[in-house]
Structure formats: C-alpha cells, structure tokens
C-alpha cells in the first residue's frame, strides 16, 4: 500500500513538473531568463528524481519555501522582460514574414498560450477565444458560445436596457427586434484594472442583435453578440501600467498569416426577460 501511494505521488509530481518545464523552455526561447530560472527551479522541486535521498528531499523542501516569495519579488522583472521582448519583436517588419524566424514564431505562439492560461481565472471568455485560435475552426470558421456574461458590461446593458424599456406589457405585437448595433471599446478599456476590461478583451467590435417574444405579460429576449476573433496587423495595447506590460497584437497577426493561428467568428448567445434586475 505504501509503495502504491508513493508511486501515485510520484506520477502526480511528474505531471505537475511538465508545465513548469514547458514554461521554462518558453522563457528561454522568448528571452525571459528570470522566468525560465524560476520555472526550472519549480520543475526540479516537483520532479520526483533522486527523492529517495534524504539530502535531496531536505534541499527541495528548503528551496520550495524560498521559491514562492522569490517569485513574487521577481514578478516585476519577469513582466519587464516580456515587455522588452514584445517591444523588440514589434520593431521588425511584420509584413515581411521572413523577418520572423522559427524561434520568434515559437516564442510568440507560446506568448499566446501564456495570455490564455494566465488570464483565464479573471477573463475566461477572452482566454477561451484566444486559446481556440490554435485549433482550426472548420469550413464555417464559426464558434457558438452560450453565456450571458456580456450583461456585466455597462455598454451592453445600456443598449439592451433601452430595448427592454421599449417593450410594453400591453403591446399587441408578439415579437420585436433590435439591432444590429455595433459596440466598441477603446484602448483604455483593455487595461486589466478597468471595469470594462473583461468585456473589451472578449467582445470588442461586437455586433449586437436581439429579438423579444411575448411570454404572457413578460418579454423573453434572445440576444446574440457576434465578432471576428482575429488579430489586426498593428495594435499596441497596455495591459498593465506598473510594471509596464504592453502587447502588440500585430505579432499574433504574423502567426495568422503563417497559418499557426486560425481566425474565426465568435457568436455569444443568451436569453433574459425584459424585467431582469441585471439591467438596473
């Protein structure tokens, strides 16, 4: 039983070490050495090699206590390294694909994954859209999602609130339509500290349509957001001001044109009643 538990623990540690090794490798490719060192250290701690030796166990245990505060302390340096590498790659002529060698492309591809994974806890919709660009969407180049998260946006609520307010319980019509209406967010809204960041990242330049159908004295509104999930050839966005982290979307446009990332049309659908309290 003890041997089985030890084997299971070793397998779990090995699985956890793999992402750390991949992150460390990406750090080397993308010229982020501080991140690479931290990730390699985490992989070494997790990797169950030589754990049978007491001295190695003690050393790993001691380093693990230092690693977390060291990672927090070094975070500004790691973010700065990413920002500087983005700036360096942004100086290249993006319309000349040969200017980006294999190392550049692999580094940018890894950056796309990093944005999707790191951003998922706070920005799940944008992260999902980003990560799905790595997969071919098929002949229709369209993906459909079901979620009413867009009601959290002030800009979306304003438009839908106007439509809901126009629906009257004594209206003789059985259905009403709204849109299409285009909703845009500016570059400031992309900053991760802004309240509209979650929606700007996932829904910018969305085309909003809605259709209301009578349900007794209430109206059920069916909403659709539609937008193109693709990168422009040039758009510099500041995600964090201190420490500064900028993202040049044109770098990912290069991967689109190399066939490494696949643009598609995203459609977000949800329903709600016209008297929904979220519109207040």
C-alpha atoms as a PDB file:
ATOM      1  CA  UNK A   1       0.000   0.000   0.000  1.00  0.00           C
ATOM      2  CA  UNK A   2       2.854   2.344   0.852  1.00  0.00           C
ATOM      3  CA  UNK A   3       4.559   1.618  -2.443  1.00  0.00           C
ATOM      4  CA  UNK A   4       1.332   2.289  -4.375  1.00  0.00           C
ATOM      5  CA  UNK A   5       0.855   5.640  -2.591  1.00  0.00           C
ATOM      6  CA  UNK A   6       4.473   6.591  -3.301  1.00  0.00           C
ATOM      7  CA  UNK A   7       4.117   5.686  -6.963  1.00  0.00           C
ATOM      8  CA  UNK A   8       0.889   7.689  -7.253  1.00  0.00           C
ATOM      9  CA  UNK A   9       2.513  10.714  -5.602  1.00  0.00           C
ATOM     10  CA  UNK A  10       5.479  10.426  -7.954  1.00  0.00           C
ATOM     11  CA  UNK A  11       3.191  10.371 -11.002  1.00  0.00           C
ATOM     12  CA  UNK A  12       1.298  13.432  -9.773  1.00  0.00           C
ATOM     13  CA  UNK A  13       4.523  15.356  -9.161  1.00  0.00           C
ATOM     14  CA  UNK A  14       5.826  14.354 -12.583  1.00  0.00           C
ATOM     15  CA  UNK A  15       2.625  15.609 -14.254  1.00  0.00           C
ATOM     16  CA  UNK A  16       2.868  18.918 -12.360  1.00  0.00           C
ATOM     17  CA  UNK A  17       6.518  19.297 -13.356  1.00  0.00           C
ATOM     18  CA  UNK A  18       5.791  19.080 -17.090  1.00  0.00           C
ATOM     19  CA  UNK A  19       4.037  22.515 -17.382  1.00  0.00           C
ATOM     20  CA  UNK A  20       6.910  24.059 -15.415  1.00  0.00           C
ATOM     21  CA  UNK A  21       9.432  22.579 -17.852  1.00  0.00           C
ATOM     22  CA  UNK A  22       7.438  23.842 -20.820  1.00  0.00           C
ATOM     23  CA  UNK A  23       7.227  27.304 -19.238  1.00  0.00           C
ATOM     24  CA  UNK A  24      10.970  27.289 -18.608  1.00  0.00           C
ATOM     25  CA  UNK A  25      11.632  26.288 -22.199  1.00  0.00           C
ATOM     26  CA  UNK A  26       9.390  29.067 -23.486  1.00  0.00           C
ATOM     27  CA  UNK A  27      11.216  31.528 -21.225  1.00  0.00           C
ATOM     28  CA  UNK A  28      14.483  30.618 -22.927  1.00  0.00           C
ATOM     29  CA  UNK A  29      13.010  30.870 -26.413  1.00  0.00           C
ATOM     30  CA  UNK A  30      11.273  34.201 -25.722  1.00  0.00           C
ATOM     31  CA  UNK A  31      14.295  35.678 -23.934  1.00  0.00           C
ATOM     32  CA  UNK A  32      12.714  35.830 -20.472  1.00  0.00           C
ATOM     33  CA  UNK A  33      15.591  34.340 -18.417  1.00  0.00           C
ATOM     34  CA  UNK A  34      14.240  35.199 -14.959  1.00  0.00           C
ATOM     35  CA  UNK A  35      11.004  33.345 -15.644  1.00  0.00           C
ATOM     36  CA  UNK A  36      12.957  30.444 -17.085  1.00  0.00           C
ATOM     37  CA  UNK A  37      15.083  30.102 -13.928  1.00  0.00           C
ATOM     38  CA  UNK A  38      12.042  30.223 -11.646  1.00  0.00           C
ATOM     39  CA  UNK A  39      10.151  27.682 -13.751  1.00  0.00           C
ATOM     40  CA  UNK A  40      13.153  25.334 -13.972  1.00  0.00           C
ATOM     41  CA  UNK A  41      13.528  25.527 -10.186  1.00  0.00           C
ATOM     42  CA  UNK A  42       9.843  24.661  -9.699  1.00  0.00           C
ATOM     43  CA  UNK A  43      10.192  21.741 -12.120  1.00  0.00           C
ATOM     44  CA  UNK A  44      13.260  20.471 -10.243  1.00  0.00           C
ATOM     45  CA  UNK A  45      11.364  20.587  -6.927  1.00  0.00           C
ATOM     46  CA  UNK A  46       8.366  18.735  -8.377  1.00  0.00           C
ATOM     47  CA  UNK A  47      10.271  16.220 -10.478  1.00  0.00           C
ATOM     48  CA  UNK A  48      10.498  13.023  -8.379  1.00  0.00           C
ATOM     49  CA  UNK A  49      14.089  12.300  -9.362  1.00  0.00           C
ATOM     50  CA  UNK A  50      16.527  11.388  -6.581  1.00  0.00           C
ATOM     51  CA  UNK A  51      13.784  11.827  -3.964  1.00  0.00           C
ATOM     52  CA  UNK A  52      14.954   8.628  -2.297  1.00  0.00           C
ATOM     53  CA  UNK A  53      17.971  10.536  -0.963  1.00  0.00           C
ATOM     54  CA  UNK A  54      17.298  12.348   2.304  1.00  0.00           C
ATOM     55  CA  UNK A  55      19.652  15.234   1.473  1.00  0.00           C
ATOM     56  CA  UNK A  56      17.836  15.913  -1.813  1.00  0.00           C
ATOM     57  CA  UNK A  57      14.470  15.882  -0.053  1.00  0.00           C
ATOM     58  CA  UNK A  58      15.668  18.380   2.549  1.00  0.00           C
ATOM     59  CA  UNK A  59      17.176  20.640  -0.129  1.00  0.00           C
ATOM     60  CA  UNK A  60      13.991  20.607  -2.211  1.00  0.00           C
ATOM     61  CA  UNK A  61      11.898  21.310   0.882  1.00  0.00           C
ATOM     62  CA  UNK A  62      14.076  24.283   1.801  1.00  0.00           C
ATOM     63  CA  UNK A  63      14.095  25.724  -1.747  1.00  0.00           C
ATOM     64  CA  UNK A  64      10.315  25.367  -2.021  1.00  0.00           C
ATOM     65  CA  UNK A  65       9.879  27.747   0.927  1.00  0.00           C
ATOM     66  CA  UNK A  66      12.037  30.351  -0.808  1.00  0.00           C
ATOM     67  CA  UNK A  67      10.545  29.900  -4.270  1.00  0.00           C
ATOM     68  CA  UNK A  68       7.113  31.462  -3.671  1.00  0.00           C
ATOM     69  CA  UNK A  69       8.302  34.741  -2.089  1.00  0.00           C
ATOM     70  CA  UNK A  70      11.150  34.876  -4.625  1.00  0.00           C
ATOM     71  CA  UNK A  71       8.655  34.501  -7.470  1.00  0.00           C
ATOM     72  CA  UNK A  72       6.520  37.338  -6.093  1.00  0.00           C
ATOM     73  CA  UNK A  73       9.573  39.543  -5.647  1.00  0.00           C
ATOM     74  CA  UNK A  74      10.844  38.810  -9.152  1.00  0.00           C
ATOM     75  CA  UNK A  75       7.456  39.253 -10.865  1.00  0.00           C
ATOM     76  CA  UNK A  76       8.146  42.883 -11.908  1.00  0.00           C
ATOM     77  CA  UNK A  77      11.432  41.783 -13.511  1.00  0.00           C
ATOM     78  CA  UNK A  78       9.731  38.945 -15.395  1.00  0.00           C
ATOM     79  CA  UNK A  79       6.956  41.221 -16.626  1.00  0.00           C
ATOM     80  CA  UNK A  80       9.566  43.762 -17.710  1.00  0.00           C
ATOM     81  CA  UNK A  81      11.459  41.100 -19.668  1.00  0.00           C
ATOM     82  CA  UNK A  82       8.281  40.114 -21.520  1.00  0.00           C
ATOM     83  CA  UNK A  83       7.506  43.766 -22.272  1.00  0.00           C
ATOM     84  CA  UNK A  84      11.007  44.406 -23.643  1.00  0.00           C
ATOM     85  CA  UNK A  85      10.893  41.323 -25.860  1.00  0.00           C
ATOM     86  CA  UNK A  86       7.487  42.337 -27.230  1.00  0.00           C
ATOM     87  CA  UNK A  87       8.933  45.767 -27.989  1.00  0.00           C
ATOM     88  CA  UNK A  88      11.975  44.234 -29.709  1.00  0.00           C
ATOM     89  CA  UNK A  89       9.862  41.968 -31.923  1.00  0.00           C
ATOM     90  CA  UNK A  90       7.479  44.837 -32.690  1.00  0.00           C
ATOM     91  CA  UNK A  91      10.311  46.721 -34.386  1.00  0.00           C
ATOM     92  CA  UNK A  92      10.539  44.055 -37.093  1.00  0.00           C
ATOM     93  CA  UNK A  93       8.714  44.476 -40.379  1.00  0.00           C
ATOM     94  CA  UNK A  94       5.583  42.413 -39.809  1.00  0.00           C
ATOM     95  CA  UNK A  95       4.644  42.472 -43.480  1.00  0.00           C
ATOM     96  CA  UNK A  96       7.853  40.584 -44.249  1.00  0.00           C
ATOM     97  CA  UNK A  97       7.139  37.189 -42.690  1.00  0.00           C
ATOM     98  CA  UNK A  98      10.706  36.043 -43.330  1.00  0.00           C
ATOM     99  CA  UNK A  99      11.838  38.618 -40.742  1.00  0.00           C
ATOM    100  CA  UNK A 100      10.435  36.295 -38.065  1.00  0.00           C
ATOM    101  CA  UNK A 101      12.484  33.126 -37.755  1.00  0.00           C
ATOM    102  CA  UNK A 102      11.322  29.876 -36.148  1.00  0.00           C
ATOM    103  CA  UNK A 103      12.444  30.970 -32.681  1.00  0.00           C
ATOM    104  CA  UNK A 104      10.440  34.206 -32.973  1.00  0.00           C
ATOM    105  CA  UNK A 105       7.337  32.344 -34.097  1.00  0.00           C
ATOM    106  CA  UNK A 106       7.568  29.713 -31.377  1.00  0.00           C
ATOM    107  CA  UNK A 107       8.069  32.451 -28.784  1.00  0.00           C
ATOM    108  CA  UNK A 108       5.032  34.410 -29.994  1.00  0.00           C
ATOM    109  CA  UNK A 109       2.955  31.227 -30.131  1.00  0.00           C
ATOM    110  CA  UNK A 110       3.921  30.482 -26.537  1.00  0.00           C
ATOM    111  CA  UNK A 111       3.017  34.048 -25.567  1.00  0.00           C
ATOM    112  CA  UNK A 112      -0.467  33.482 -26.980  1.00  0.00           C
ATOM    113  CA  UNK A 113      -0.806  30.378 -24.810  1.00  0.00           C
ATOM    114  CA  UNK A 114       0.524  32.254 -21.781  1.00  0.00           C
ATOM    115  CA  UNK A 115      -2.046  35.032 -22.195  1.00  0.00           C
ATOM    116  CA  UNK A 116      -4.851  32.492 -22.462  1.00  0.00           C
ATOM    117  CA  UNK A 117      -3.777  30.404 -19.476  1.00  0.00           C
ATOM    118  CA  UNK A 118      -2.743  33.217 -17.105  1.00  0.00           C
ATOM    119  CA  UNK A 119      -5.789  35.322 -17.958  1.00  0.00           C
ATOM    120  CA  UNK A 120      -8.346  32.510 -17.640  1.00  0.00           C
ATOM    121  CA  UNK A 121      -9.237  32.973 -13.926  1.00  0.00           C
ATOM    122  CA  UNK A 122     -10.200  36.645 -14.431  1.00  0.00           C
ATOM    123  CA  UNK A 123     -11.020  36.791 -18.150  1.00  0.00           C
ATOM    124  CA  UNK A 124     -12.315  33.307 -19.066  1.00  0.00           C
ATOM    125  CA  UNK A 125     -14.200  34.353 -22.209  1.00  0.00           C
ATOM    126  CA  UNK A 126     -11.296  36.198 -23.822  1.00  0.00           C
ATOM    127  CA  UNK A 127      -8.924  33.416 -22.798  1.00  0.00           C
ATOM    128  CA  UNK A 128     -11.169  30.797 -24.354  1.00  0.00           C
ATOM    129  CA  UNK A 129     -11.362  32.759 -27.603  1.00  0.00           C
ATOM    130  CA  UNK A 130      -7.578  33.171 -27.609  1.00  0.00           C
ATOM    131  CA  UNK A 131      -6.723  29.521 -26.956  1.00  0.00           C
ATOM    132  CA  UNK A 132      -9.242  28.269 -29.523  1.00  0.00           C
ATOM    133  CA  UNK A 133      -7.357  30.178 -32.217  1.00  0.00           C
ATOM    134  CA  UNK A 134      -4.788  27.398 -32.057  1.00  0.00           C
ATOM    135  CA  UNK A 135      -7.378  24.977 -33.478  1.00  0.00           C
ATOM    136  CA  UNK A 136      -8.806  25.005 -36.987  1.00  0.00           C
ATOM    137  CA  UNK A 137     -12.480  26.074 -36.664  1.00  0.00           C
ATOM    138  CA  UNK A 138     -13.503  24.122 -39.755  1.00  0.00           C
ATOM    139  CA  UNK A 139     -15.124  25.243 -43.021  1.00  0.00           C
ATOM    140  CA  UNK A 140     -17.674  27.537 -41.336  1.00  0.00           C
ATOM    141  CA  UNK A 141     -14.954  29.345 -39.317  1.00  0.00           C
ATOM    142  CA  UNK A 142     -17.592  29.982 -36.645  1.00  0.00           C
ATOM    143  CA  UNK A 143     -17.881  29.034 -33.000  1.00  0.00           C
ATOM    144  CA  UNK A 144     -21.016  29.444 -30.870  1.00  0.00           C
ATOM    145  CA  UNK A 145     -20.907  30.021 -27.094  1.00  0.00           C
ATOM    146  CA  UNK A 146     -23.745  30.289 -24.591  1.00  0.00           C
ATOM    147  CA  UNK A 147     -23.211  32.806 -21.801  1.00  0.00           C
ATOM    148  CA  UNK A 148     -24.844  35.998 -20.527  1.00  0.00           C
ATOM    149  CA  UNK A 149     -21.604  37.432 -19.152  1.00  0.00           C
ATOM    150  CA  UNK A 150     -21.986  40.410 -21.508  1.00  0.00           C
ATOM    151  CA  UNK A 151     -24.708  41.832 -19.251  1.00  0.00           C
ATOM    152  CA  UNK A 152     -21.933  42.742 -16.851  1.00  0.00           C
ATOM    153  CA  UNK A 153     -20.771  45.411 -19.280  1.00  0.00           C
ATOM    154  CA  UNK A 154     -22.182  48.903 -18.863  1.00  0.00           C
ATOM    155  CA  UNK A 155     -22.131  49.448 -22.636  1.00  0.00           C
ATOM    156  CA  UNK A 156     -24.091  46.274 -23.341  1.00  0.00           C
ATOM    157  CA  UNK A 157     -26.596  46.922 -20.538  1.00  0.00           C
ATOM    158  CA  UNK A 158     -27.290  50.423 -21.844  1.00  0.00           C
ATOM    159  CA  UNK A 159     -28.260  49.135 -25.300  1.00  0.00           C
ATOM    160  CA  UNK A 160     -30.296  46.212 -24.047  1.00  0.00           C
ATOM    161  CA  UNK A 161     -31.866  48.357 -21.332  1.00  0.00           C
ATOM    162  CA  UNK A 162     -33.154  50.768 -23.966  1.00  0.00           C
ATOM    163  CA  UNK A 163     -34.657  47.875 -25.911  1.00  0.00           C
ATOM    164  CA  UNK A 164     -36.211  46.286 -22.820  1.00  0.00           C
ATOM    165  CA  UNK A 165     -37.725  49.624 -21.749  1.00  0.00           C
ATOM    166  CA  UNK A 166     -39.455  49.945 -25.125  1.00  0.00           C
ATOM    167  CA  UNK A 167     -41.304  46.665 -24.607  1.00  0.00           C
ATOM    168  CA  UNK A 168     -44.744  47.192 -23.078  1.00  0.00           C
ATOM    169  CA  UNK A 169     -46.950  44.544 -21.493  1.00  0.00           C
ATOM    170  CA  UNK A 170     -49.998  45.852 -23.404  1.00  0.00           C
ATOM    171  CA  UNK A 171     -48.183  45.846 -26.765  1.00  0.00           C
ATOM    172  CA  UNK A 172     -50.290  43.977 -29.333  1.00  0.00           C
ATOM    173  CA  UNK A 173     -47.223  42.631 -31.168  1.00  0.00           C
ATOM    174  CA  UNK A 174     -45.992  39.114 -30.410  1.00  0.00           C
ATOM    175  CA  UNK A 175     -42.351  39.878 -31.164  1.00  0.00           C
ATOM    176  CA  UNK A 176     -39.929  42.789 -31.522  1.00  0.00           C
ATOM    177  CA  UNK A 177     -36.426  43.053 -32.987  1.00  0.00           C
ATOM    178  CA  UNK A 178     -33.445  45.216 -32.120  1.00  0.00           C
ATOM    179  CA  UNK A 179     -30.229  45.878 -33.993  1.00  0.00           C
ATOM    180  CA  UNK A 180     -27.824  45.146 -35.418  1.00  0.00           C
ATOM    181  CA  UNK A 181     -25.911  47.625 -33.235  1.00  0.00           C
ATOM    182  CA  UNK A 182     -22.125  47.857 -33.128  1.00  0.00           C
ATOM    183  CA  UNK A 183     -20.434  48.250 -29.741  1.00  0.00           C
ATOM    184  CA  UNK A 184     -16.798  49.323 -29.445  1.00  0.00           C
ATOM    185  CA  UNK A 185     -14.389  49.672 -26.551  1.00  0.00           C
ATOM    186  CA  UNK A 186     -11.378  51.980 -26.630  1.00  0.00           C
ATOM    187  CA  UNK A 187      -7.764  51.054 -25.860  1.00  0.00           C
ATOM    188  CA  UNK A 188      -8.022  52.326 -22.281  1.00  0.00           C
ATOM    189  CA  UNK A 189     -10.685  49.721 -21.549  1.00  0.00           C
ATOM    190  CA  UNK A 190      -8.152  46.963 -22.269  1.00  0.00           C
ATOM    191  CA  UNK A 191      -6.180  47.793 -19.128  1.00  0.00           C
ATOM    192  CA  UNK A 192      -6.658  44.971 -16.672  1.00  0.00           C
ATOM    193  CA  UNK A 193      -7.605  47.376 -13.876  1.00  0.00           C
ATOM    194  CA  UNK A 194     -10.530  48.844 -15.848  1.00  0.00           C
ATOM    195  CA  UNK A 195     -14.064  47.568 -15.047  1.00  0.00           C
ATOM    196  CA  UNK A 196     -14.774  47.041 -18.756  1.00  0.00           C
ATOM    197  CA  UNK A 197     -11.566  45.056 -19.418  1.00  0.00           C
ATOM    198  CA  UNK A 198     -13.252  41.648 -19.332  1.00  0.00           C
ATOM    199  CA  UNK A 199     -15.738  42.712 -21.998  1.00  0.00           C
ATOM    200  CA  UNK A 200     -13.334  44.758 -24.098  1.00  0.00           C
ATOM    201  CA  UNK A 201     -10.986  41.780 -24.377  1.00  0.00           C
ATOM    202  CA  UNK A 202     -13.720  39.327 -25.350  1.00  0.00           C
ATOM    203  CA  UNK A 203     -16.337  41.405 -27.184  1.00  0.00           C
ATOM    204  CA  UNK A 204     -14.673  44.428 -28.778  1.00  0.00           C
ATOM    205  CA  UNK A 205     -16.265  45.480 -32.073  1.00  0.00           C
ATOM    206  CA  UNK A 206     -19.205  43.216 -31.371  1.00  0.00           C
ATOM    207  CA  UNK A 207     -22.394  43.396 -33.428  1.00  0.00           C
ATOM    208  CA  UNK A 208     -25.373  43.074 -31.100  1.00  0.00           C
ATOM    209  CA  UNK A 209     -28.812  41.857 -32.203  1.00  0.00           C
ATOM    210  CA  UNK A 210     -31.822  40.953 -30.051  1.00  0.00           C
ATOM    211  CA  UNK A 211     -35.281  39.543 -30.582  1.00  0.00           C
ATOM    212  CA  UNK A 212     -38.041  39.732 -27.980  1.00  0.00           C
ATOM    213  CA  UNK A 213     -41.002  37.356 -27.871  1.00  0.00           C
ATOM    214  CA  UNK A 214     -44.033  37.716 -25.649  1.00  0.00           C
ATOM    215  CA  UNK A 215     -44.413  35.244 -22.798  1.00  0.00           C
ATOM    216  CA  UNK A 216     -47.731  36.170 -21.198  1.00  0.00           C
ATOM    217  CA  UNK A 217     -47.257  39.662 -19.786  1.00  0.00           C
ATOM    218  CA  UNK A 218     -43.466  39.399 -19.984  1.00  0.00           C
ATOM    219  CA  UNK A 219     -40.983  39.535 -22.843  1.00  0.00           C
ATOM    220  CA  UNK A 220     -38.256  36.928 -23.366  1.00  0.00           C
ATOM    221  CA  UNK A 221     -35.278  38.500 -25.137  1.00  0.00           C
ATOM    222  CA  UNK A 222     -32.904  36.382 -27.178  1.00  0.00           C
ATOM    223  CA  UNK A 223     -29.517  38.115 -27.574  1.00  0.00           C
ATOM    224  CA  UNK A 224     -26.628  37.453 -29.916  1.00  0.00           C
ATOM    225  CA  UNK A 225     -23.159  39.029 -29.897  1.00  0.00           C
ATOM    226  CA  UNK A 226     -21.090  38.430 -32.994  1.00  0.00           C
ATOM    227  CA  UNK A 227     -17.491  39.460 -33.570  1.00  0.00           C
ATOM    228  CA  UNK A 228     -14.411  38.458 -35.522  1.00  0.00           C
ATOM    229  CA  UNK A 229     -11.782  36.759 -33.387  1.00  0.00           C
ATOM    230  CA  UNK A 230      -8.632  37.798 -35.197  1.00  0.00           C
ATOM    231  CA  UNK A 231      -5.614  39.998 -34.673  1.00  0.00           C
ATOM    232  CA  UNK A 232      -5.003  43.269 -36.554  1.00  0.00           C
ATOM    233  CA  UNK A 233      -1.650  43.922 -38.213  1.00  0.00           C
ATOM    234  CA  UNK A 234      -0.889  46.681 -35.697  1.00  0.00           C
ATOM    235  CA  UNK A 235      -2.409  47.488 -32.314  1.00  0.00           C
ATOM    236  CA  UNK A 236      -0.316  48.210 -29.225  1.00  0.00           C
ATOM    237  CA  UNK A 237      -2.295  47.663 -26.033  1.00  0.00           C
ATOM    238  CA  UNK A 238      -1.125  48.463 -22.496  1.00  0.00           C
ATOM    239  CA  UNK A 239      -2.356  45.696 -20.200  1.00  0.00           C
ATOM    240  CA  UNK A 240      -0.553  46.817 -17.018  1.00  0.00           C
ATOM    241  CA  UNK A 241       0.925  50.228 -16.305  1.00  0.00           C
ATOM    242  CA  UNK A 242       3.153  49.366 -13.301  1.00  0.00           C
ATOM    243  CA  UNK A 243       5.139  47.321 -14.006  1.00  0.00           C
ATOM    244  CA  UNK A 244       4.516  48.092 -17.649  1.00  0.00           C
ATOM    245  CA  UNK A 245       3.259  45.275 -19.825  1.00  0.00           C
ATOM    246  CA  UNK A 246       2.330  46.059 -23.415  1.00  0.00           C
ATOM    247  CA  UNK A 247       1.061  43.687 -26.047  1.00  0.00           C
ATOM    248  CA  UNK A 248       1.450  44.252 -29.797  1.00  0.00           C
ATOM    249  CA  UNK A 249      -1.373  42.321 -31.435  1.00  0.00           C
ATOM    250  CA  UNK A 250       0.406  42.594 -34.762  1.00  0.00           C
ATOM    251  CA  UNK A 251       2.824  39.889 -33.589  1.00  0.00           C
ATOM    252  CA  UNK A 252      -0.046  37.405 -33.494  1.00  0.00           C
ATOM    253  CA  UNK A 253      -1.185  38.697 -36.886  1.00  0.00           C
ATOM    254  CA  UNK A 254       2.134  37.341 -38.165  1.00  0.00           C
ATOM    255  CA  UNK A 255       1.190  33.874 -36.890  1.00  0.00           C
ATOM    256  CA  UNK A 256      -2.222  34.178 -38.545  1.00  0.00           C
ATOM    257  CA  UNK A 257      -0.545  34.755 -41.869  1.00  0.00           C
ATOM    258  CA  UNK A 258       1.829  31.842 -41.227  1.00  0.00           C
ATOM    259  CA  UNK A 259      -1.130  29.541 -40.584  1.00  0.00           C
ATOM    260  CA  UNK A 260      -0.217  28.997 -36.914  1.00  0.00           C
ATOM    261  CA  UNK A 261      -3.315  30.787 -35.558  1.00  0.00           C
ATOM    262  CA  UNK A 262      -6.789  30.477 -37.065  1.00  0.00           C
ATOM    263  CA  UNK A 263      -9.255  33.423 -37.048  1.00  0.00           C
ATOM    264  CA  UNK A 264     -12.958  32.701 -36.697  1.00  0.00           C
ATOM    265  CA  UNK A 265     -16.322  34.326 -35.992  1.00  0.00           C
ATOM    266  CA  UNK A 266     -17.462  34.034 -32.378  1.00  0.00           C
ATOM    267  CA  UNK A 267     -21.149  34.149 -31.554  1.00  0.00           C
ATOM    268  CA  UNK A 268     -22.276  34.541 -27.939  1.00  0.00           C
ATOM    269  CA  UNK A 269     -25.930  33.753 -27.215  1.00  0.00           C
ATOM    270  CA  UNK A 270     -28.074  34.170 -24.127  1.00  0.00           C
ATOM    271  CA  UNK A 271     -31.650  34.890 -23.064  1.00  0.00           C
ATOM    272  CA  UNK A 272     -33.214  37.003 -20.337  1.00  0.00           C
ATOM    273  CA  UNK A 273     -36.550  38.617 -19.509  1.00  0.00           C
ATOM    274  CA  UNK A 274     -37.100  42.323 -20.052  1.00  0.00           C
ATOM    275  CA  UNK A 275     -37.656  42.868 -16.308  1.00  0.00           C
ATOM    276  CA  UNK A 276     -34.315  41.236 -15.405  1.00  0.00           C
ATOM    277  CA  UNK A 277     -32.752  43.009 -12.412  1.00  0.00           C
ATOM    278  CA  UNK A 278     -29.311  42.916 -14.046  1.00  0.00           C
ATOM    279  CA  UNK A 279     -30.441  45.724 -16.364  1.00  0.00           C
ATOM    280  CA  UNK A 280     -30.851  48.121 -13.446  1.00  0.00           C
END
